[in-house]
Amino acid sequence: QVQLVESGGGLVQAGGSLRLSCAASGSTFPISDMGWYRQAPGKQRELVARITRGGSTNYADSVKGRFTISRDNAKNTVYLQMNSLSSDDTAAYYCYAEVVSPGRTLGYWGRGTQVTVSS
């Protein structure tokens, strides 16, 4: 069973920065894609950014140029550097990881970390 533990959320003023981290453990196979999703109150969970094991990335249009996703494969850890934060970025942020084993791909979620941006 893969466990994902997020850290780095909190309260920040508009225009500020935060860095989220997510460490994965318990996988017997290499972790494939990792990513961050977010969910604001009353809204659906949405993709923020994803990164492949090889380092290819994709971002939601709303965060391009402000957020940067990265990972350390040796540590099974993914990061999200968030700059120029606005109140629209306020949400619970969830880490996601995929594990590819023979014949199947499983996705795992962290419990979430709250990011609140005050205007």
C-alpha atoms as a PDB file:
ATOM      1  CA  GLN A   1       0.000   0.000   0.000  1.00  0.00           C
ATOM      2  CA  VAL A   2       1.442   3.326  -1.100  1.00  0.00           C
ATOM      3  CA  GLN A   3       1.214   6.203   1.339  1.00  0.00           C
ATOM      4  CA  LEU A   4       1.540   9.849   0.364  1.00  0.00           C
ATOM      5  CA  VAL A   5       2.289  12.492   2.955  1.00  0.00           C
ATOM      6  CA  GLU A   6       1.948  16.147   2.006  1.00  0.00           C
ATOM      7  CA  SER A   7       3.455  19.121   3.777  1.00  0.00           C
ATOM      8  CA  GLY A   8       3.992  22.814   3.228  1.00  0.00           C
ATOM      9  CA  GLY A   9       0.496  24.222   3.129  1.00  0.00           C
ATOM     10  CA  GLY A  10      -0.599  27.201   5.169  1.00  0.00           C
ATOM     11  CA  LEU A  11      -1.782  30.780   5.149  1.00  0.00           C
ATOM     12  CA  VAL A  12      -0.057  33.298   2.896  1.00  0.00           C
ATOM     13  CA  GLN A  13      -0.800  36.785   1.665  1.00  0.00           C
ATOM     14  CA  ALA A  14      -1.659  37.448  -1.947  1.00  0.00           C
ATOM     15  CA  GLY A  15       1.482  37.702  -4.014  1.00  0.00           C
ATOM     16  CA  GLY A  16       3.375  35.404  -1.707  1.00  0.00           C
ATOM     17  CA  SER A  17       4.853  31.960  -2.217  1.00  0.00           C
ATOM     18  CA  LEU A  18       4.555  28.482  -0.768  1.00  0.00           C
ATOM     19  CA  ARG A  19       6.302  25.204  -1.485  1.00  0.00           C
ATOM     20  CA  LEU A  20       4.423  21.945  -1.124  1.00  0.00           C
ATOM     21  CA  SER A  21       6.129  18.593  -0.710  1.00  0.00           C
ATOM     22  CA  CYS A  22       4.774  15.080  -0.970  1.00  0.00           C
ATOM     23  CA  ALA A  23       6.722  11.990  -0.015  1.00  0.00           C
ATOM     24  CA  ALA A  24       5.608   8.567  -1.199  1.00  0.00           C
ATOM     25  CA  SER A  25       6.422   5.349   0.592  1.00  0.00           C
ATOM     26  CA  GLY A  26       5.472   1.699   0.556  1.00  0.00           C
ATOM     27  CA  SER A  27       5.633   1.021  -3.168  1.00  0.00           C
ATOM     28  CA  THR A  28       7.292  -2.153  -4.390  1.00  0.00           C
ATOM     29  CA  PHE A  29       7.357  -0.818  -7.956  1.00  0.00           C
ATOM     30  CA  PRO A  30       8.781   2.448  -9.260  1.00  0.00           C
ATOM     31  CA  ILE A  31       6.426   5.384  -8.996  1.00  0.00           C
ATOM     32  CA  SER A  32       5.377   6.613 -12.402  1.00  0.00           C
ATOM     33  CA  ASP A  33       3.532   9.909 -12.768  1.00  0.00           C
ATOM     34  CA  MET A  34       3.154  12.191  -9.767  1.00  0.00           C
ATOM     35  CA  GLY A  35       1.131  15.324  -9.478  1.00  0.00           C
ATOM     36  CA  TRP A  36      -0.884  17.862  -7.577  1.00  0.00           C
ATOM     37  CA  TYR A  37      -4.597  18.466  -7.713  1.00  0.00           C
ATOM     38  CA  ARG A  38      -6.688  20.956  -5.802  1.00  0.00           C
ATOM     39  CA  GLN A  39     -10.248  21.315  -4.669  1.00  0.00           C
ATOM     40  CA  ALA A  40     -11.863  24.533  -3.544  1.00  0.00           C
ATOM     41  CA  PRO A  41     -15.096  24.534  -1.538  1.00  0.00           C
ATOM     42  CA  GLY A  42     -18.059  23.804  -3.772  1.00  0.00           C
ATOM     43  CA  LYS A  43     -15.875  22.956  -6.750  1.00  0.00           C
ATOM     44  CA  GLN A  44     -14.605  19.784  -8.363  1.00  0.00           C
ATOM     45  CA  ARG A  45     -11.090  18.555  -7.865  1.00  0.00           C
ATOM     46  CA  GLU A  46      -8.890  19.836 -10.679  1.00  0.00           C
ATOM     47  CA  LEU A  47      -5.434  19.166 -11.994  1.00  0.00           C
ATOM     48  CA  VAL A  48      -2.783  21.678 -11.005  1.00  0.00           C
ATOM     49  CA  ALA A  49       0.345  19.996 -12.396  1.00  0.00           C
ATOM     50  CA  ARG A  50       1.713  16.571 -13.223  1.00  0.00           C
ATOM     51  CA  ILE A  51       5.200  15.266 -13.839  1.00  0.00           C
ATOM     52  CA  THR A  52       6.355  12.003 -15.347  1.00  0.00           C
ATOM     53  CA  ARG A  53       9.179   9.955 -13.948  1.00  0.00           C
ATOM     54  CA  GLY A  54      11.342  11.298 -16.744  1.00  0.00           C
ATOM     55  CA  GLY A  55      10.540  14.900 -15.852  1.00  0.00           C
ATOM     56  CA  SER A  56       7.974  15.883 -18.468  1.00  0.00           C
ATOM     57  CA  THR A  57       5.435  18.280 -17.033  1.00  0.00           C
ATOM     58  CA  ASN A  58       2.018  19.670 -17.735  1.00  0.00           C
ATOM     59  CA  TYR A  59       0.171  22.454 -15.957  1.00  0.00           C
ATOM     60  CA  ALA A  60      -3.297  23.871 -15.678  1.00  0.00           C
ATOM     61  CA  ASP A  61      -3.538  27.078 -17.673  1.00  0.00           C
ATOM     62  CA  SER A  62      -4.401  28.999 -14.522  1.00  0.00           C
ATOM     63  CA  VAL A  63      -1.032  28.251 -12.907  1.00  0.00           C
ATOM     64  CA  LYS A  64       1.335  28.344 -15.884  1.00  0.00           C
ATOM     65  CA  GLY A  65       4.189  30.716 -15.259  1.00  0.00           C
ATOM     66  CA  ARG A  66       3.514  30.845 -11.520  1.00  0.00           C
ATOM     67  CA  PHE A  67       3.789  27.239 -10.310  1.00  0.00           C
ATOM     68  CA  THR A  68       6.624  24.793 -10.870  1.00  0.00           C
ATOM     69  CA  ILE A  69       6.409  21.061 -10.270  1.00  0.00           C
ATOM     70  CA  SER A  70       9.526  18.973  -9.714  1.00  0.00           C
ATOM     71  CA  ARG A  71      10.448  15.609  -8.262  1.00  0.00           C
ATOM     72  CA  ASP A  72      13.286  13.667  -6.713  1.00  0.00           C
ATOM     73  CA  ASN A  73      12.989  10.065  -7.860  1.00  0.00           C
ATOM     74  CA  ALA A  74      15.555   8.851  -5.351  1.00  0.00           C
ATOM     75  CA  LYS A  75      13.381  10.211  -2.544  1.00  0.00           C
ATOM     76  CA  ASN A  76      10.018   9.443  -4.188  1.00  0.00           C
ATOM     77  CA  THR A  77       9.111  13.030  -3.504  1.00  0.00           C
ATOM     78  CA  VAL A  78       7.282  15.599  -5.585  1.00  0.00           C
ATOM     79  CA  TYR A  79       7.317  19.327  -5.000  1.00  0.00           C
ATOM     80  CA  LEU A  80       5.140  22.229  -6.035  1.00  0.00           C
ATOM     81  CA  GLN A  81       6.638  25.706  -5.892  1.00  0.00           C
ATOM     82  CA  MET A  82       3.823  28.232  -5.946  1.00  0.00           C
ATOM     83  CA  ASN A  83       4.577  31.886  -6.610  1.00  0.00           C
ATOM     84  CA  SER A  84       2.418  34.970  -7.093  1.00  0.00           C
ATOM     85  CA  LEU A  85      -0.414  33.363  -5.189  1.00  0.00           C
ATOM     86  CA  SER A  86      -3.885  34.834  -5.349  1.00  0.00           C
ATOM     87  CA  SER A  87      -7.138  34.156  -3.531  1.00  0.00           C
ATOM     88  CA  ASP A  88      -8.175  31.993  -6.498  1.00  0.00           C
ATOM     89  CA  ASP A  89      -5.475  29.533  -5.450  1.00  0.00           C
ATOM     90  CA  THR A  90      -7.117  28.916  -2.085  1.00  0.00           C
ATOM     91  CA  ALA A  91      -7.957  25.215  -1.926  1.00  0.00           C
ATOM     92  CA  ALA A  92      -7.037  21.879  -0.459  1.00  0.00           C
ATOM     93  CA  TYR A  93      -4.093  20.528  -2.431  1.00  0.00           C
ATOM     94  CA  TYR A  94      -3.809  16.784  -2.960  1.00  0.00           C
ATOM     95  CA  CYS A  95      -0.783  14.816  -3.992  1.00  0.00           C
ATOM     96  CA  TYR A  96      -1.239  12.029  -6.532  1.00  0.00           C
ATOM     97  CA  ALA A  97       1.007   9.164  -7.559  1.00  0.00           C
ATOM     98  CA  GLU A  98       0.696   6.323 -10.040  1.00  0.00           C
ATOM     99  CA  VAL A  99       2.323   2.940  -9.680  1.00  0.00           C
ATOM    100  CA  VAL A 100       2.628   0.714 -12.717  1.00  0.00           C
ATOM    101  CA  SER A 101       2.913  -2.988 -11.973  1.00  0.00           C
ATOM    102  CA  PRO A 102       2.560  -5.916 -14.388  1.00  0.00           C
ATOM    103  CA  GLY A 103      -0.928  -5.776 -15.799  1.00  0.00           C
ATOM    104  CA  ARG A 104      -2.254  -2.772 -13.947  1.00  0.00           C
ATOM    105  CA  THR A 105      -1.846   0.862 -13.006  1.00  0.00           C
ATOM    106  CA  LEU A 106      -2.992   2.120  -9.632  1.00  0.00           C
ATOM    107  CA  GLY A 107      -3.428   5.692  -8.483  1.00  0.00           C
ATOM    108  CA  TYR A 108      -2.966   6.893  -4.924  1.00  0.00           C
ATOM    109  CA  TRP A 109      -3.967  10.094  -3.166  1.00  0.00           C
ATOM    110  CA  GLY A 110      -2.634  11.971  -0.194  1.00  0.00           C
ATOM    111  CA  ARG A 111      -4.933  13.323   2.489  1.00  0.00           C
ATOM    112  CA  GLY A 112      -4.473  16.911   1.341  1.00  0.00           C
ATOM    113  CA  THR A 113      -2.913  20.076   2.647  1.00  0.00           C
ATOM    114  CA  GLN A 114      -4.770  23.367   2.900  1.00  0.00           C
ATOM    115  CA  VAL A 115      -3.515  26.471   1.124  1.00  0.00           C
ATOM    116  CA  THR A 116      -5.236  29.712   2.038  1.00  0.00           C
ATOM    117  CA  VAL A 117      -4.341  32.967   0.321  1.00  0.00           C
ATOM    118  CA  SER A 118      -5.530  36.141   1.982  1.00  0.00           C
ATOM    119  CA  SER A 119      -6.193  39.222  -0.127  1.00  0.00           C
END
